[in-house]
Amino acid sequence: MAERRGSVTDKERQYRLVDPFQIERDELTHLKPSFISNAVHTSKYTYLSFLPLCLLQEFRRVVREAIQVGDILRIGERETIPADGIILSSSEDSGAFISQSFLGSCFIDTSNLDGEANLKSREALRATLGFAFDQNAREKTKYFIKCEQPDQDLYRFSGNLSVDSKMYSLSEKQFLMRGSTLMNTKWVWMVVVYTGHDTKIMKNARAAHHKLSHLEILTSRTVVVVFIVQVLLCAVAAGIHHFRFDEAQMGHIGDAYHTSGVELVLIFLSFVVLMNTLIPISLVVTVEIVKTIHAKFITWDDQMR
């Protein structure tokens, strides 16, 4: 257990002076500690913000559902990109201190997609930097995008952009993926090309694979084999019982429907009940107990450390 010692005795100074015994004096005098607590709260909601934040997230979900292929979106800094699209322009389009190589560029965080923490750069084509995104401008400038069908490759994209009958090549440098976050850029304009399950992140979404140990696989196979053997034994026993005794013999014990098919099924189920002990109910529990005991023995064995 860590010992609580150390405090800041002078907050006005530019440096921190740590007194190992200040905390003890504060506790004796019931004074408020002069340093912050080591508790870290990572909760997303508070009692007051729970309902408003939940409603805000639901509204965002509804807005995202309305996005369609061909929509023009404006994404702000630190906002999550809601659909796959092509960057048309960014806040770096103009400025006295912007290099020509950074015109129309932006940075995105793709850690939610590929786990990489470093930011990736994207840049718009020079042909789209001067686009205006109002209704009148869209009527004057005619452009469309021809691209490949959706696939799972996060690092590849190819297509063509036609602006006033001029063709321009598109690559992954102009591609913005759903789930990535815009960073170090005030805003970008993008046109949506993939939505919903056609996006890269949804194409790569798979159900989690359930892993089984070799012992669990062997146990499951053994149970299946024993169950098949039990069914065969019950079927053979029911057949022998049905054909071994005739209706006259079974009539002495009150079985007047011995020859019916329903009686044969009931006999089969009766033998299933009689032979249910072939599959031990406690097999899985017993195996888990044995595994736990073996793990303890391995932990206690000094020669295996």
C-alpha atoms as a PDB file:
ATOM      1  CA  MET A   1       0.000   0.000   0.000  1.00  0.00           C
ATOM      2  CA  ALA A   2       1.445   3.370  -1.025  1.00  0.00           C
ATOM      3  CA  GLU A   3       2.162   5.878   1.741  1.00  0.00           C
ATOM      4  CA  ARG A   4       0.478   9.245   1.349  1.00  0.00           C
ATOM      5  CA  ARG A   5       3.201  11.824   1.556  1.00  0.00           C
ATOM      6  CA  GLY A   6       4.135  15.029  -0.204  1.00  0.00           C
ATOM      7  CA  SER A   7       2.378  18.322  -0.815  1.00  0.00           C
ATOM      8  CA  VAL A   8       2.816  21.701  -2.422  1.00  0.00           C
ATOM      9  CA  THR A   9       3.469  24.311   0.292  1.00  0.00           C
ATOM     10  CA  ASP A  10       3.550  27.449  -1.891  1.00  0.00           C
ATOM     11  CA  LYS A  11       1.269  27.797  -4.910  1.00  0.00           C
ATOM     12  CA  GLU A  12       2.515  31.293  -5.835  1.00  0.00           C
ATOM     13  CA  ARG A  13       5.965  30.075  -6.779  1.00  0.00           C
ATOM     14  CA  GLN A  14       6.887  28.821 -10.222  1.00  0.00           C
ATOM     15  CA  TYR A  15       8.283  25.640  -8.779  1.00  0.00           C
ATOM     16  CA  ARG A  16       6.844  22.948  -6.540  1.00  0.00           C
ATOM     17  CA  LEU A  17       8.148  22.502  -3.012  1.00  0.00           C
ATOM     18  CA  VAL A  18       7.344  19.067  -1.620  1.00  0.00           C
ATOM     19  CA  ASP A  19       7.192  18.584   2.136  1.00  0.00           C
ATOM     20  CA  PRO A  20       6.826  14.878   3.074  1.00  0.00           C
ATOM     21  CA  PHE A  21       5.315  15.792   6.462  1.00  0.00           C
ATOM     22  CA  GLN A  22       2.869  18.466   5.327  1.00  0.00           C
ATOM     23  CA  ILE A  23       0.121  15.935   4.706  1.00  0.00           C
ATOM     24  CA  GLU A  24       0.400  14.679   8.277  1.00  0.00           C
ATOM     25  CA  ARG A  25       0.124  18.226   9.628  1.00  0.00           C
ATOM     26  CA  ASP A  26      -2.886  18.885   7.410  1.00  0.00           C
ATOM     27  CA  GLU A  27      -4.638  15.798   8.755  1.00  0.00           C
ATOM     28  CA  LEU A  28      -3.904  16.759  12.361  1.00  0.00           C
ATOM     29  CA  THR A  29      -5.142  20.321  11.896  1.00  0.00           C
ATOM     30  CA  HIS A  30      -8.072  19.246   9.661  1.00  0.00           C
ATOM     31  CA  LEU A  31      -6.966  21.635   6.941  1.00  0.00           C
ATOM     32  CA  LYS A  32      -7.768  21.155   3.291  1.00  0.00           C
ATOM     33  CA  PRO A  33      -4.829  19.456   1.511  1.00  0.00           C
ATOM     34  CA  SER A  34      -2.793  21.856  -0.598  1.00  0.00           C
ATOM     35  CA  PHE A  35      -2.578  19.405  -3.492  1.00  0.00           C
ATOM     36  CA  ILE A  36      -5.201  17.784  -5.664  1.00  0.00           C
ATOM     37  CA  SER A  37      -6.425  14.267  -5.012  1.00  0.00           C
ATOM     38  CA  ASN A  38      -5.056  11.326  -6.999  1.00  0.00           C
ATOM     39  CA  ALA A  39      -8.588  10.242  -7.894  1.00  0.00           C
ATOM     40  CA  VAL A  40      -9.310  10.233 -11.622  1.00  0.00           C
ATOM     41  CA  HIS A  41     -12.915  10.293 -12.825  1.00  0.00           C
ATOM     42  CA  THR A  42     -13.371   8.834 -16.294  1.00  0.00           C
ATOM     43  CA  SER A  43     -17.160   8.672 -16.293  1.00  0.00           C
ATOM     44  CA  LYS A  44     -18.777  10.017 -19.431  1.00  0.00           C
ATOM     45  CA  TYR A  45     -21.888  11.369 -17.735  1.00  0.00           C
ATOM     46  CA  THR A  46     -22.891  13.098 -14.519  1.00  0.00           C
ATOM     47  CA  TYR A  47     -26.258  13.119 -12.798  1.00  0.00           C
ATOM     48  CA  LEU A  48     -27.152  16.412 -14.472  1.00  0.00           C
ATOM     49  CA  SER A  49     -25.662  15.815 -17.934  1.00  0.00           C
ATOM     50  CA  PHE A  50     -26.866  12.244 -18.480  1.00  0.00           C
ATOM     51  CA  LEU A  51     -30.242  13.066 -20.081  1.00  0.00           C
ATOM     52  CA  PRO A  52     -29.094  16.026 -22.261  1.00  0.00           C
ATOM     53  CA  LEU A  53     -26.059  14.169 -23.604  1.00  0.00           C
ATOM     54  CA  CYS A  54     -28.092  11.050 -24.391  1.00  0.00           C
ATOM     55  CA  LEU A  55     -30.656  13.128 -26.280  1.00  0.00           C
ATOM     56  CA  LEU A  56     -27.881  14.926 -28.161  1.00  0.00           C
ATOM     57  CA  GLN A  57     -26.363  11.620 -29.247  1.00  0.00           C
ATOM     58  CA  GLU A  58     -29.765  10.388 -30.442  1.00  0.00           C
ATOM     59  CA  PHE A  59     -30.239  13.562 -32.498  1.00  0.00           C
ATOM     60  CA  ARG A  60     -26.809  13.076 -34.062  1.00  0.00           C
ATOM     61  CA  ARG A  61     -27.731   9.499 -34.947  1.00  0.00           C
ATOM     62  CA  VAL A  62     -30.908  10.651 -36.695  1.00  0.00           C
ATOM     63  CA  VAL A  63     -28.992  13.292 -38.664  1.00  0.00           C
ATOM     64  CA  ARG A  64     -26.436  10.715 -39.792  1.00  0.00           C
ATOM     65  CA  GLU A  65     -29.160   8.372 -40.970  1.00  0.00           C
ATOM     66  CA  ALA A  66     -30.351  11.063 -43.383  1.00  0.00           C
ATOM     67  CA  ILE A  67     -26.980  11.267 -45.181  1.00  0.00           C
ATOM     68  CA  GLN A  68     -27.086  10.001 -48.766  1.00  0.00           C
ATOM     69  CA  VAL A  69     -24.536   9.369 -51.491  1.00  0.00           C
ATOM     70  CA  GLY A  70     -23.779  12.668 -53.220  1.00  0.00           C
ATOM     71  CA  ASP A  71     -24.431  14.894 -50.201  1.00  0.00           C
ATOM     72  CA  ILE A  72     -21.983  17.740 -49.511  1.00  0.00           C
ATOM     73  CA  LEU A  73     -20.923  17.783 -45.839  1.00  0.00           C
ATOM     74  CA  ARG A  74     -18.982  20.313 -43.796  1.00  0.00           C
ATOM     75  CA  ILE A  75     -16.921  18.622 -41.076  1.00  0.00           C
ATOM     76  CA  GLY A  76     -15.499  20.662 -38.207  1.00  0.00           C
ATOM     77  CA  GLU A  77     -12.329  20.075 -36.231  1.00  0.00           C
ATOM     78  CA  ARG A  78     -12.422  17.036 -33.911  1.00  0.00           C
ATOM     79  CA  GLU A  79     -15.681  15.865 -35.462  1.00  0.00           C
ATOM     80  CA  THR A  80     -16.093  12.261 -36.525  1.00  0.00           C
ATOM     81  CA  ILE A  81     -16.577  11.755 -40.245  1.00  0.00           C
ATOM     82  CA  PRO A  82     -20.050  10.168 -40.664  1.00  0.00           C
ATOM     83  CA  ALA A  83     -19.567   8.561 -44.100  1.00  0.00           C
ATOM     84  CA  ASP A  84     -16.874   7.752 -46.654  1.00  0.00           C
ATOM     85  CA  GLY A  85     -16.235  10.605 -49.036  1.00  0.00           C
ATOM     86  CA  ILE A  86     -13.853  12.741 -51.069  1.00  0.00           C
ATOM     87  CA  ILE A  87     -12.359  15.951 -49.703  1.00  0.00           C
ATOM     88  CA  LEU A  88     -13.173  18.970 -51.862  1.00  0.00           C
ATOM     89  CA  SER A  89     -11.625  21.808 -49.869  1.00  0.00           C
ATOM     90  CA  SER A  90     -10.463  22.688 -46.373  1.00  0.00           C
ATOM     91  CA  SER A  91      -9.674  25.647 -44.133  1.00  0.00           C
ATOM     92  CA  GLU A  92      -6.117  25.519 -45.487  1.00  0.00           C
ATOM     93  CA  ASP A  93      -7.235  26.701 -48.927  1.00  0.00           C
ATOM     94  CA  SER A  94      -6.099  30.276 -48.391  1.00  0.00           C
ATOM     95  CA  GLY A  95      -3.786  32.219 -46.141  1.00  0.00           C
ATOM     96  CA  ALA A  96      -0.628  34.237 -46.369  1.00  0.00           C
ATOM     97  CA  PHE A  97       1.407  31.755 -44.364  1.00  0.00           C
ATOM     98  CA  ILE A  98       0.232  28.562 -46.071  1.00  0.00           C
ATOM     99  CA  SER A  99       2.659  26.800 -48.356  1.00  0.00           C
ATOM    100  CA  GLN A 100       1.472  25.766 -51.789  1.00  0.00           C
ATOM    101  CA  SER A 101       2.097  22.125 -50.879  1.00  0.00           C
ATOM    102  CA  PHE A 102      -0.440  22.326 -48.009  1.00  0.00           C
ATOM    103  CA  LEU A 103      -3.299  23.970 -49.911  1.00  0.00           C
ATOM    104  CA  GLY A 104      -6.512  22.012 -49.416  1.00  0.00           C
ATOM    105  CA  SER A 105      -4.896  19.605 -46.966  1.00  0.00           C
ATOM    106  CA  CYS A 106      -6.180  18.210 -43.690  1.00  0.00           C
ATOM    107  CA  PHE A 107      -5.237  15.640 -41.072  1.00  0.00           C
ATOM    108  CA  ILE A 108      -7.352  12.759 -39.839  1.00  0.00           C
ATOM    109  CA  ASP A 109      -7.033  10.363 -36.912  1.00  0.00           C
ATOM    110  CA  THR A 110      -7.737   6.766 -37.972  1.00  0.00           C
ATOM    111  CA  SER A 111      -6.984   5.054 -34.656  1.00  0.00           C
ATOM    112  CA  ASN A 112     -10.575   3.763 -34.507  1.00  0.00           C
ATOM    113  CA  LEU A 113     -10.044   2.000 -37.840  1.00  0.00           C
ATOM    114  CA  ASP A 114      -6.500   0.627 -37.921  1.00  0.00           C
ATOM    115  CA  GLY A 115      -5.165   1.384 -34.426  1.00  0.00           C
ATOM    116  CA  GLU A 116      -2.468   3.754 -35.694  1.00  0.00           C
ATOM    117  CA  ALA A 117      -2.018   6.795 -33.459  1.00  0.00           C
ATOM    118  CA  ASN A 118      -0.166   8.959 -35.983  1.00  0.00           C
ATOM    119  CA  LEU A 119      -2.223  11.416 -38.009  1.00  0.00           C
ATOM    120  CA  LYS A 120      -2.665  10.895 -41.736  1.00  0.00           C
ATOM    121  CA  SER A 121      -2.749  13.730 -44.247  1.00  0.00           C
ATOM    122  CA  ARG A 122      -5.374  14.160 -46.939  1.00  0.00           C
ATOM    123  CA  GLU A 123      -5.395  16.789 -49.675  1.00  0.00           C
ATOM    124  CA  ALA A 124      -8.021  18.052 -52.081  1.00  0.00           C
ATOM    125  CA  LEU A 125      -7.482  18.364 -55.800  1.00  0.00           C
ATOM    126  CA  ARG A 126      -6.538  21.808 -57.085  1.00  0.00           C
ATOM    127  CA  ALA A 127      -9.595  21.688 -59.326  1.00  0.00           C
ATOM    128  CA  THR A 128     -11.967  21.659 -56.324  1.00  0.00           C
ATOM    129  CA  LEU A 129     -10.277  24.234 -54.088  1.00  0.00           C
ATOM    130  CA  GLY A 130     -12.296  27.132 -55.459  1.00  0.00           C
ATOM    131  CA  PHE A 131     -15.672  25.428 -55.256  1.00  0.00           C
ATOM    132  CA  ALA A 132     -18.513  27.336 -53.608  1.00  0.00           C
ATOM    133  CA  PHE A 133     -21.095  25.158 -51.913  1.00  0.00           C
ATOM    134  CA  ASP A 134     -24.337  27.082 -52.275  1.00  0.00           C
ATOM    135  CA  GLN A 135     -27.243  26.231 -54.557  1.00  0.00           C
ATOM    136  CA  ASN A 136     -26.340  28.757 -57.262  1.00  0.00           C
ATOM    137  CA  ALA A 137     -22.720  27.613 -57.448  1.00  0.00           C
ATOM    138  CA  ARG A 138     -23.781  23.974 -57.772  1.00  0.00           C
ATOM    139  CA  GLU A 139     -25.893  24.874 -60.777  1.00  0.00           C
ATOM    140  CA  LYS A 140     -22.967  26.623 -62.482  1.00  0.00           C
ATOM    141  CA  THR A 141     -20.271  24.015 -61.786  1.00  0.00           C
ATOM    142  CA  LYS A 142     -21.045  20.512 -63.014  1.00  0.00           C
ATOM    143  CA  TYR A 143     -19.018  17.685 -61.543  1.00  0.00           C
ATOM    144  CA  PHE A 144     -19.442  14.013 -60.756  1.00  0.00           C
ATOM    145  CA  ILE A 145     -17.330  11.169 -59.360  1.00  0.00           C
ATOM    146  CA  LYS A 146     -16.783   7.760 -60.887  1.00  0.00           C
ATOM    147  CA  CYS A 147     -15.208   5.338 -58.413  1.00  0.00           C
ATOM    148  CA  GLU A 148     -14.878   1.630 -57.700  1.00  0.00           C
ATOM    149  CA  GLN A 149     -17.435  -0.447 -55.855  1.00  0.00           C
ATOM    150  CA  PRO A 150     -17.099  -0.670 -52.031  1.00  0.00           C
ATOM    151  CA  ASP A 151     -14.415  -3.022 -50.698  1.00  0.00           C
ATOM    152  CA  GLN A 152     -12.617  -3.820 -47.430  1.00  0.00           C
ATOM    153  CA  ASP A 153      -9.228  -2.293 -48.246  1.00  0.00           C
ATOM    154  CA  LEU A 154      -8.624   0.643 -45.889  1.00  0.00           C
ATOM    155  CA  TYR A 155      -5.530   1.835 -47.716  1.00  0.00           C
ATOM    156  CA  ARG A 156      -6.716   1.863 -51.333  1.00  0.00           C
ATOM    157  CA  PHE A 157      -9.151   3.978 -53.282  1.00  0.00           C
ATOM    158  CA  SER A 158      -9.291   4.842 -56.949  1.00  0.00           C
ATOM    159  CA  GLY A 159     -11.675   6.898 -59.018  1.00  0.00           C
ATOM    160  CA  ASN A 160     -12.090   9.853 -61.321  1.00  0.00           C
ATOM    161  CA  LEU A 161     -13.542  13.305 -60.787  1.00  0.00           C
ATOM    162  CA  SER A 162     -15.098  15.074 -63.746  1.00  0.00           C
ATOM    163  CA  VAL A 163     -15.245  18.882 -63.489  1.00  0.00           C
ATOM    164  CA  ASP A 164     -16.696  20.689 -66.512  1.00  0.00           C
ATOM    165  CA  SER A 165     -15.870  17.700 -68.753  1.00  0.00           C
ATOM    166  CA  LYS A 166     -12.274  17.511 -67.457  1.00  0.00           C
ATOM    167  CA  MET A 167     -11.175  14.293 -65.750  1.00  0.00           C
ATOM    168  CA  TYR A 168      -8.984  14.196 -62.636  1.00  0.00           C
ATOM    169  CA  SER A 169      -7.636  11.076 -60.917  1.00  0.00           C
ATOM    170  CA  LEU A 170      -8.616  10.321 -57.321  1.00  0.00           C
ATOM    171  CA  SER A 171      -6.623   8.196 -54.876  1.00  0.00           C
ATOM    172  CA  GLU A 172      -6.528   7.417 -51.170  1.00  0.00           C
ATOM    173  CA  LYS A 173      -4.969  10.873 -50.600  1.00  0.00           C
ATOM    174  CA  GLN A 174      -8.404  12.411 -51.237  1.00  0.00           C
ATOM    175  CA  PHE A 175     -10.389   9.730 -49.413  1.00  0.00           C
ATOM    176  CA  LEU A 176     -11.949  10.374 -45.980  1.00  0.00           C
ATOM    177  CA  MET A 177     -13.167   7.276 -44.142  1.00  0.00           C
ATOM    178  CA  ARG A 178     -16.113   6.962 -41.832  1.00  0.00           C
ATOM    179  CA  GLY A 179     -15.029   6.649 -38.192  1.00  0.00           C
ATOM    180  CA  SER A 180     -11.935   8.828 -38.585  1.00  0.00           C
ATOM    181  CA  THR A 181     -11.669  12.194 -36.811  1.00  0.00           C
ATOM    182  CA  LEU A 182     -10.670  15.509 -38.354  1.00  0.00           C
ATOM    183  CA  MET A 183      -7.637  16.919 -36.535  1.00  0.00           C
ATOM    184  CA  ASN A 184      -5.565  20.128 -36.735  1.00  0.00           C
ATOM    185  CA  THR A 185      -7.902  21.509 -39.401  1.00  0.00           C
ATOM    186  CA  LYS A 186     -10.787  23.902 -38.743  1.00  0.00           C
ATOM    187  CA  TRP A 187     -13.114  22.453 -41.367  1.00  0.00           C
ATOM    188  CA  VAL A 188     -13.326  20.489 -44.599  1.00  0.00           C
ATOM    189  CA  TRP A 189     -15.936  20.122 -47.318  1.00  0.00           C
ATOM    190  CA  MET A 190     -16.489  16.598 -48.600  1.00  0.00           C
ATOM    191  CA  VAL A 191     -18.810  14.761 -50.970  1.00  0.00           C
ATOM    192  CA  VAL A 192     -20.211  11.407 -49.816  1.00  0.00           C
ATOM    193  CA  VAL A 193     -19.448   8.346 -51.969  1.00  0.00           C
ATOM    194  CA  TYR A 194     -20.168   5.388 -49.608  1.00  0.00           C
ATOM    195  CA  THR A 195     -22.810   5.170 -46.874  1.00  0.00           C
ATOM    196  CA  GLY A 196     -24.048   2.612 -44.365  1.00  0.00           C
ATOM    197  CA  HIS A 197     -22.764  -0.919 -44.825  1.00  0.00           C
ATOM    198  CA  ASP A 198     -20.854   0.139 -47.951  1.00  0.00           C
ATOM    199  CA  THR A 199     -18.339   2.130 -45.886  1.00  0.00           C
ATOM    200  CA  LYS A 200     -14.869   0.769 -45.191  1.00  0.00           C
ATOM    201  CA  ILE A 201     -15.408   0.455 -41.453  1.00  0.00           C
ATOM    202  CA  MET A 202     -18.583  -1.601 -41.908  1.00  0.00           C
ATOM    203  CA  LYS A 203     -16.980  -3.782 -44.580  1.00  0.00           C
ATOM    204  CA  ASN A 204     -14.278  -4.693 -42.044  1.00  0.00           C
ATOM    205  CA  ALA A 205     -16.702  -5.257 -39.164  1.00  0.00           C
ATOM    206  CA  ARG A 206     -16.876  -8.927 -38.237  1.00  0.00           C
ATOM    207  CA  ALA A 207     -18.337 -10.836 -35.341  1.00  0.00           C
ATOM    208  CA  ALA A 208     -15.885 -11.694 -32.599  1.00  0.00           C
ATOM    209  CA  HIS A 209     -14.470 -15.200 -32.966  1.00  0.00           C
ATOM    210  CA  HIS A 210     -15.211 -17.399 -29.973  1.00  0.00           C
ATOM    211  CA  LYS A 211     -12.045 -19.224 -29.005  1.00  0.00           C
ATOM    212  CA  LEU A 212     -12.167 -22.723 -27.546  1.00  0.00           C
ATOM    213  CA  SER A 213      -9.376 -24.646 -25.914  1.00  0.00           C
ATOM    214  CA  HIS A 214      -8.335 -28.096 -27.137  1.00  0.00           C
ATOM    215  CA  LEU A 215      -9.883 -29.656 -24.034  1.00  0.00           C
ATOM    216  CA  GLU A 216     -13.230 -27.906 -24.634  1.00  0.00           C
ATOM    217  CA  ILE A 217     -13.284 -29.067 -28.260  1.00  0.00           C
ATOM    218  CA  LEU A 218     -12.476 -32.642 -27.185  1.00  0.00           C
ATOM    219  CA  THR A 219     -15.188 -32.532 -24.506  1.00  0.00           C
ATOM    220  CA  SER A 220     -17.805 -31.281 -26.975  1.00  0.00           C
ATOM    221  CA  ARG A 221     -16.928 -33.958 -29.516  1.00  0.00           C
ATOM    222  CA  THR A 222     -17.084 -36.655 -26.835  1.00  0.00           C
ATOM    223  CA  VAL A 223     -20.541 -35.514 -25.731  1.00  0.00           C
ATOM    224  CA  VAL A 224     -21.773 -35.603 -29.346  1.00  0.00           C
ATOM    225  CA  VAL A 225     -20.406 -39.128 -29.866  1.00  0.00           C
ATOM    226  CA  VAL A 226     -21.967 -40.362 -26.617  1.00  0.00           C
ATOM    227  CA  PHE A 227     -25.300 -38.795 -27.595  1.00  0.00           C
ATOM    228  CA  ILE A 228     -25.251 -40.546 -30.982  1.00  0.00           C
ATOM    229  CA  VAL A 229     -24.465 -43.862 -29.281  1.00  0.00           C
ATOM    230  CA  GLN A 230     -27.318 -43.277 -26.834  1.00  0.00           C
ATOM    231  CA  VAL A 231     -29.789 -42.613 -29.669  1.00  0.00           C
ATOM    232  CA  LEU A 232     -28.691 -45.785 -31.470  1.00  0.00           C
ATOM    233  CA  LEU A 233     -29.034 -47.886 -28.318  1.00  0.00           C
ATOM    234  CA  CYS A 234     -32.501 -46.473 -27.622  1.00  0.00           C
ATOM    235  CA  ALA A 235     -33.588 -47.140 -31.216  1.00  0.00           C
ATOM    236  CA  VAL A 236     -32.318 -50.741 -31.085  1.00  0.00           C
ATOM    237  CA  ALA A 237     -33.926 -51.358 -27.693  1.00  0.00           C
ATOM    238  CA  ALA A 238     -37.253 -49.863 -28.837  1.00  0.00           C
ATOM    239  CA  GLY A 239     -37.195 -52.017 -31.991  1.00  0.00           C
ATOM    240  CA  ILE A 240     -36.467 -55.203 -30.040  1.00  0.00           C
ATOM    241  CA  HIS A 241     -39.216 -54.370 -27.563  1.00  0.00           C
ATOM    242  CA  HIS A 242     -41.690 -53.705 -30.369  1.00  0.00           C
ATOM    243  CA  PHE A 243     -40.980 -56.844 -32.407  1.00  0.00           C
ATOM    244  CA  ARG A 244     -40.126 -59.226 -29.548  1.00  0.00           C
ATOM    245  CA  PHE A 245     -43.514 -59.041 -27.837  1.00  0.00           C
ATOM    246  CA  ASP A 246     -46.750 -59.460 -29.774  1.00  0.00           C
ATOM    247  CA  GLU A 247     -50.066 -57.749 -29.058  1.00  0.00           C
ATOM    248  CA  ALA A 248     -51.465 -60.710 -27.094  1.00  0.00           C
ATOM    249  CA  GLN A 249     -48.547 -60.767 -24.692  1.00  0.00           C
ATOM    250  CA  MET A 250     -48.638 -56.984 -24.147  1.00  0.00           C
ATOM    251  CA  GLY A 251     -52.414 -57.124 -23.604  1.00  0.00           C
ATOM    252  CA  HIS A 252     -51.876 -58.982 -20.299  1.00  0.00           C
ATOM    253  CA  ILE A 253     -50.157 -55.896 -18.858  1.00  0.00           C
ATOM    254  CA  GLY A 254     -52.768 -53.458 -20.189  1.00  0.00           C
ATOM    255  CA  ASP A 255     -50.968 -52.344 -23.388  1.00  0.00           C
ATOM    256  CA  ALA A 256     -53.739 -52.507 -25.997  1.00  0.00           C
ATOM    257  CA  TYR A 257     -52.012 -50.242 -28.551  1.00  0.00           C
ATOM    258  CA  HIS A 258     -48.737 -52.110 -28.875  1.00  0.00           C
ATOM    259  CA  THR A 259     -48.689 -52.161 -32.680  1.00  0.00           C
ATOM    260  CA  SER A 260     -49.309 -48.433 -33.221  1.00  0.00           C
ATOM    261  CA  GLY A 261     -46.569 -46.051 -34.339  1.00  0.00           C
ATOM    262  CA  VAL A 262     -47.239 -43.751 -31.393  1.00  0.00           C
ATOM    263  CA  GLU A 263     -46.449 -46.612 -29.025  1.00  0.00           C
ATOM    264  CA  LEU A 264     -43.111 -47.162 -30.762  1.00  0.00           C
ATOM    265  CA  VAL A 265     -42.209 -43.494 -30.282  1.00  0.00           C
ATOM    266  CA  LEU A 266     -43.204 -43.634 -26.619  1.00  0.00           C
ATOM    267  CA  ILE A 267     -41.073 -46.741 -26.101  1.00  0.00           C
ATOM    268  CA  PHE A 268     -38.116 -44.979 -27.721  1.00  0.00           C
ATOM    269  CA  LEU A 269     -38.538 -41.959 -25.430  1.00  0.00           C
ATOM    270  CA  SER A 270     -38.822 -44.260 -22.425  1.00  0.00           C
ATOM    271  CA  PHE A 271     -35.456 -45.812 -23.223  1.00  0.00           C
ATOM    272  CA  VAL A 272     -34.001 -42.300 -23.654  1.00  0.00           C
ATOM    273  CA  VAL A 273     -35.076 -41.525 -20.090  1.00  0.00           C
ATOM    274  CA  LEU A 274     -33.616 -44.809 -18.841  1.00  0.00           C
ATOM    275  CA  MET A 275     -30.267 -44.224 -20.561  1.00  0.00           C
ATOM    276  CA  ASN A 276     -29.890 -40.509 -19.824  1.00  0.00           C
ATOM    277  CA  THR A 277     -27.037 -41.233 -17.434  1.00  0.00           C
ATOM    278  CA  LEU A 278     -24.765 -42.084 -20.371  1.00  0.00           C
ATOM    279  CA  ILE A 279     -24.061 -38.346 -20.716  1.00  0.00           C
ATOM    280  CA  PRO A 280     -22.763 -37.103 -17.353  1.00  0.00           C
ATOM    281  CA  ILE A 281     -24.461 -33.827 -16.464  1.00  0.00           C
ATOM    282  CA  SER A 282     -21.525 -32.738 -14.304  1.00  0.00           C
ATOM    283  CA  LEU A 283     -18.931 -33.340 -17.046  1.00  0.00           C
ATOM    284  CA  VAL A 284     -18.322 -29.664 -17.837  1.00  0.00           C
ATOM    285  CA  VAL A 285     -18.325 -28.668 -14.162  1.00  0.00           C
ATOM    286  CA  THR A 286     -15.906 -31.473 -13.308  1.00  0.00           C
ATOM    287  CA  VAL A 287     -13.536 -30.457 -16.103  1.00  0.00           C
ATOM    288  CA  GLU A 288     -13.535 -26.828 -14.923  1.00  0.00           C
ATOM    289  CA  ILE A 289     -12.793 -27.895 -11.340  1.00  0.00           C
ATOM    290  CA  VAL A 290      -9.910 -30.093 -12.514  1.00  0.00           C
ATOM    291  CA  LYS A 291      -8.493 -27.229 -14.612  1.00  0.00           C
ATOM    292  CA  THR A 292      -8.686 -24.861 -11.635  1.00  0.00           C
ATOM    293  CA  ILE A 293      -6.916 -27.331  -9.339  1.00  0.00           C
ATOM    294  CA  HIS A 294      -4.188 -27.949 -11.931  1.00  0.00           C
ATOM    295  CA  ALA A 295      -3.680 -24.201 -12.329  1.00  0.00           C
ATOM    296  CA  LYS A 296      -3.245 -23.843  -8.567  1.00  0.00           C
ATOM    297  CA  PHE A 297      -0.685 -26.649  -8.487  1.00  0.00           C
ATOM    298  CA  ILE A 298       1.233 -24.968 -11.316  1.00  0.00           C
ATOM    299  CA  THR A 299       1.173 -21.672  -9.403  1.00  0.00           C
ATOM    300  CA  TRP A 300       2.428 -23.319  -6.221  1.00  0.00           C
ATOM    301  CA  ASP A 301       5.221 -25.192  -8.013  1.00  0.00           C
ATOM    302  CA  ASP A 302       8.449 -23.249  -7.361  1.00  0.00           C
ATOM    303  CA  GLN A 303      10.346 -25.149 -10.050  1.00  0.00           C
ATOM    304  CA  MET A 304       8.010 -23.822 -12.782  1.00  0.00           C
ATOM    305  CA  ARG A 305       8.589 -20.161 -11.953  1.00  0.00           C
END
